[in-house]
Amino acid sequence: MDDLDALLGALADPTRRRVVELLGAGPRRAGDLAAGVGVAATALSRHLQVLRSSGLVTVEPVAGDARGREYRLVPERLVAVRAWIDQVEAFWSEQLGSFKVHAERTRGPGRGPG
């Protein structure tokens, strides 16, 4: 559950969600990401650190550029979030289905809605 908490915590911020969306289209440098989300590079650095700590984002050196680094999304990390959402959805679907059966049974024959 700690892993899921870290993922959800990282995705709780709208700036970080926007970074994830941008990286979904492909790797980008920090400057491109900062421009894409409309924040200063220093602010983006903190967001990227949170995303890296959660495992949602990795950083790699750019070939032929000693100082260049590209950030990449790790889409496999989103599997845990999707699995949790599916579990919650299944639970509530079952609960609502049971409530519907109960409501129809207690309403009795010949009674209309309301």
C-alpha atoms as a PDB file:
ATOM      1  CA  MET A   1       0.000   0.000   0.000  1.00  0.00           C
ATOM      2  CA  ASP A   2       2.954   2.356   0.624  1.00  0.00           C
ATOM      3  CA  ASP A   3       3.831   2.059  -3.054  1.00  0.00           C
ATOM      4  CA  LEU A   4       0.315   3.065  -4.078  1.00  0.00           C
ATOM      5  CA  ASP A   5       0.382   5.935  -1.587  1.00  0.00           C
ATOM      6  CA  ALA A   6       3.590   7.245  -3.155  1.00  0.00           C
ATOM      7  CA  LEU A   7       2.090   7.003  -6.641  1.00  0.00           C
ATOM      8  CA  LEU A   8      -1.156   8.700  -5.668  1.00  0.00           C
ATOM      9  CA  GLY A   9       0.748  11.344  -3.723  1.00  0.00           C
ATOM     10  CA  ALA A  10       2.878  12.099  -6.755  1.00  0.00           C
ATOM     11  CA  LEU A  11      -0.205  12.345  -8.962  1.00  0.00           C
ATOM     12  CA  ALA A  12      -2.122  14.500  -6.467  1.00  0.00           C
ATOM     13  CA  ASP A  13      -0.536  17.682  -7.784  1.00  0.00           C
ATOM     14  CA  PRO A  14      -1.905  19.127 -11.060  1.00  0.00           C
ATOM     15  CA  THR A  15       1.556  20.232 -12.206  1.00  0.00           C
ATOM     16  CA  ARG A  16       2.920  16.717 -11.785  1.00  0.00           C
ATOM     17  CA  ARG A  17      -0.092  15.247 -13.600  1.00  0.00           C
ATOM     18  CA  ARG A  18       0.612  17.621 -16.484  1.00  0.00           C
ATOM     19  CA  VAL A  19       4.264  16.499 -16.523  1.00  0.00           C
ATOM     20  CA  VAL A  20       3.093  12.875 -16.689  1.00  0.00           C
ATOM     21  CA  GLU A  21       0.784  13.781 -19.589  1.00  0.00           C
ATOM     22  CA  LEU A  22       3.613  15.505 -21.457  1.00  0.00           C
ATOM     23  CA  LEU A  23       5.970  12.593 -20.878  1.00  0.00           C
ATOM     24  CA  GLY A  24       3.285  10.241 -22.156  1.00  0.00           C
ATOM     25  CA  ALA A  25       4.029  11.681 -25.597  1.00  0.00           C
ATOM     26  CA  GLY A  26       7.741  10.920 -25.238  1.00  0.00           C
ATOM     27  CA  PRO A  27      10.911  11.851 -23.373  1.00  0.00           C
ATOM     28  CA  ARG A  28      11.629  15.529 -22.734  1.00  0.00           C
ATOM     29  CA  ARG A  29      14.263  17.733 -21.199  1.00  0.00           C
ATOM     30  CA  ALA A  30      13.507  19.639 -18.011  1.00  0.00           C
ATOM     31  CA  GLY A  31      13.420  22.975 -19.841  1.00  0.00           C
ATOM     32  CA  ASP A  32      10.824  21.681 -22.281  1.00  0.00           C
ATOM     33  CA  LEU A  33       8.752  20.330 -19.412  1.00  0.00           C
ATOM     34  CA  ALA A  34       8.979  23.624 -17.501  1.00  0.00           C
ATOM     35  CA  ALA A  35       7.762  25.509 -20.564  1.00  0.00           C
ATOM     36  CA  GLY A  36       5.031  22.928 -21.177  1.00  0.00           C
ATOM     37  CA  VAL A  37       3.577  23.235 -17.691  1.00  0.00           C
ATOM     38  CA  GLY A  38       4.288  26.933 -17.276  1.00  0.00           C
ATOM     39  CA  VAL A  39       6.463  26.856 -14.168  1.00  0.00           C
ATOM     40  CA  ALA A  40       9.981  28.019 -13.366  1.00  0.00           C
ATOM     41  CA  ALA A  41      12.765  25.480 -13.711  1.00  0.00           C
ATOM     42  CA  THR A  42      13.420  25.545  -9.945  1.00  0.00           C
ATOM     43  CA  ALA A  43       9.782  24.719  -9.173  1.00  0.00           C
ATOM     44  CA  LEU A  44       9.749  21.984 -11.797  1.00  0.00           C
ATOM     45  CA  SER A  45      12.876  20.461 -10.282  1.00  0.00           C
ATOM     46  CA  ARG A  46      10.978  19.736  -7.061  1.00  0.00           C
ATOM     47  CA  HIS A  47       8.083  18.192  -8.985  1.00  0.00           C
ATOM     48  CA  LEU A  48      10.450  16.005 -10.999  1.00  0.00           C
ATOM     49  CA  GLN A  49      12.093  14.825  -7.785  1.00  0.00           C
ATOM     50  CA  VAL A  50       8.719  13.697  -6.404  1.00  0.00           C
ATOM     51  CA  LEU A  51       7.913  11.914  -9.684  1.00  0.00           C
ATOM     52  CA  ARG A  52      11.326  10.235  -9.685  1.00  0.00           C
ATOM     53  CA  SER A  53      10.974   9.167  -6.037  1.00  0.00           C
ATOM     54  CA  SER A  54       7.633   7.535  -6.825  1.00  0.00           C
ATOM     55  CA  GLY A  55       9.180   5.683  -9.766  1.00  0.00           C
ATOM     56  CA  LEU A  56       6.857   7.312 -12.308  1.00  0.00           C
ATOM     57  CA  VAL A  57       9.719   9.103 -14.041  1.00  0.00           C
ATOM     58  CA  THR A  58      13.319   8.246 -14.796  1.00  0.00           C
ATOM     59  CA  VAL A  59      16.100  10.506 -16.002  1.00  0.00           C
ATOM     60  CA  GLU A  60      18.790   9.537 -18.480  1.00  0.00           C
ATOM     61  CA  PRO A  61      21.744  11.344 -20.007  1.00  0.00           C
ATOM     62  CA  VAL A  62      21.338  12.571 -23.574  1.00  0.00           C
ATOM     63  CA  ALA A  63      23.784  10.924 -25.967  1.00  0.00           C
ATOM     64  CA  GLY A  64      26.375  13.382 -27.203  1.00  0.00           C
ATOM     65  CA  ASP A  65      25.445  16.053 -24.633  1.00  0.00           C
ATOM     66  CA  ALA A  66      27.422  15.758 -21.398  1.00  0.00           C
ATOM     67  CA  ARG A  67      25.050  18.046 -19.497  1.00  0.00           C
ATOM     68  CA  GLY A  68      21.784  17.062 -21.159  1.00  0.00           C
ATOM     69  CA  ARG A  69      19.258  14.871 -19.371  1.00  0.00           C
ATOM     70  CA  GLU A  70      15.925  13.543 -20.580  1.00  0.00           C
ATOM     71  CA  TYR A  71      13.025  12.558 -18.404  1.00  0.00           C
ATOM     72  CA  ARG A  72      10.952   9.541 -19.327  1.00  0.00           C
ATOM     73  CA  LEU A  73       7.646   8.222 -18.075  1.00  0.00           C
ATOM     74  CA  VAL A  74       7.620   4.702 -16.617  1.00  0.00           C
ATOM     75  CA  PRO A  75       4.120   3.661 -17.739  1.00  0.00           C
ATOM     76  CA  GLU A  76       4.350   0.321 -15.933  1.00  0.00           C
ATOM     77  CA  ARG A  77       4.126   2.236 -12.649  1.00  0.00           C
ATOM     78  CA  LEU A  78       0.617   3.316 -13.570  1.00  0.00           C
ATOM     79  CA  VAL A  79      -0.485  -0.333 -13.524  1.00  0.00           C
ATOM     80  CA  ALA A  80      -0.691  -0.235  -9.719  1.00  0.00           C
ATOM     81  CA  VAL A  81      -2.943   2.817  -9.848  1.00  0.00           C
ATOM     82  CA  ARG A  82      -5.170   1.223 -12.489  1.00  0.00           C
ATOM     83  CA  ALA A  83      -5.399  -2.002 -10.467  1.00  0.00           C
ATOM     84  CA  TRP A  84      -6.504  -0.070  -7.383  1.00  0.00           C
ATOM     85  CA  ILE A  85      -9.096   1.886  -9.380  1.00  0.00           C
ATOM     86  CA  ASP A  86     -10.403  -1.373 -10.866  1.00  0.00           C
ATOM     87  CA  GLN A  87     -10.666  -2.883  -7.388  1.00  0.00           C
ATOM     88  CA  VAL A  88     -12.605   0.107  -6.027  1.00  0.00           C
ATOM     89  CA  GLU A  89     -14.849   0.163  -9.087  1.00  0.00           C
ATOM     90  CA  ALA A  90     -15.608  -3.552  -8.743  1.00  0.00           C
ATOM     91  CA  PHE A  91     -16.452  -3.124  -5.068  1.00  0.00           C
ATOM     92  CA  TRP A  92     -18.884  -0.269  -5.713  1.00  0.00           C
ATOM     93  CA  SER A  93     -20.442  -1.974  -8.713  1.00  0.00           C
ATOM     94  CA  GLU A  94     -21.158  -4.998  -6.521  1.00  0.00           C
ATOM     95  CA  GLN A  95     -22.523  -2.811  -3.716  1.00  0.00           C
ATOM     96  CA  LEU A  96     -24.782  -0.842  -6.047  1.00  0.00           C
ATOM     97  CA  GLY A  97     -25.977  -4.040  -7.722  1.00  0.00           C
ATOM     98  CA  SER A  98     -26.881  -5.503  -4.326  1.00  0.00           C
ATOM     99  CA  PHE A  99     -28.676  -2.300  -3.356  1.00  0.00           C
ATOM    100  CA  LYS A 100     -30.662  -2.359  -6.593  1.00  0.00           C
ATOM    101  CA  VAL A 101     -31.762  -5.962  -5.950  1.00  0.00           C
ATOM    102  CA  HIS A 102     -32.713  -5.066  -2.379  1.00  0.00           C
ATOM    103  CA  ALA A 103     -34.645  -1.958  -3.462  1.00  0.00           C
ATOM    104  CA  GLU A 104     -36.552  -3.871  -6.130  1.00  0.00           C
ATOM    105  CA  ARG A 105     -37.344  -6.697  -3.705  1.00  0.00           C
ATOM    106  CA  THR A 106     -38.594  -4.401  -0.928  1.00  0.00           C
ATOM    107  CA  ARG A 107     -40.597  -2.226  -3.275  1.00  0.00           C
ATOM    108  CA  GLY A 108     -42.985  -5.126  -3.810  1.00  0.00           C
ATOM    109  CA  PRO A 109     -45.021  -6.117  -6.879  1.00  0.00           C
ATOM    110  CA  GLY A 110     -47.323  -3.628  -8.482  1.00  0.00           C
ATOM    111  CA  ARG A 111     -45.710  -0.597  -6.897  1.00  0.00           C
ATOM    112  CA  GLY A 112     -44.241   1.963  -9.170  1.00  0.00           C
ATOM    113  CA  PRO A 113     -41.118   3.979  -8.511  1.00  0.00           C
ATOM    114  CA  GLY A 114     -41.302   6.509  -5.695  1.00  0.00           C
END
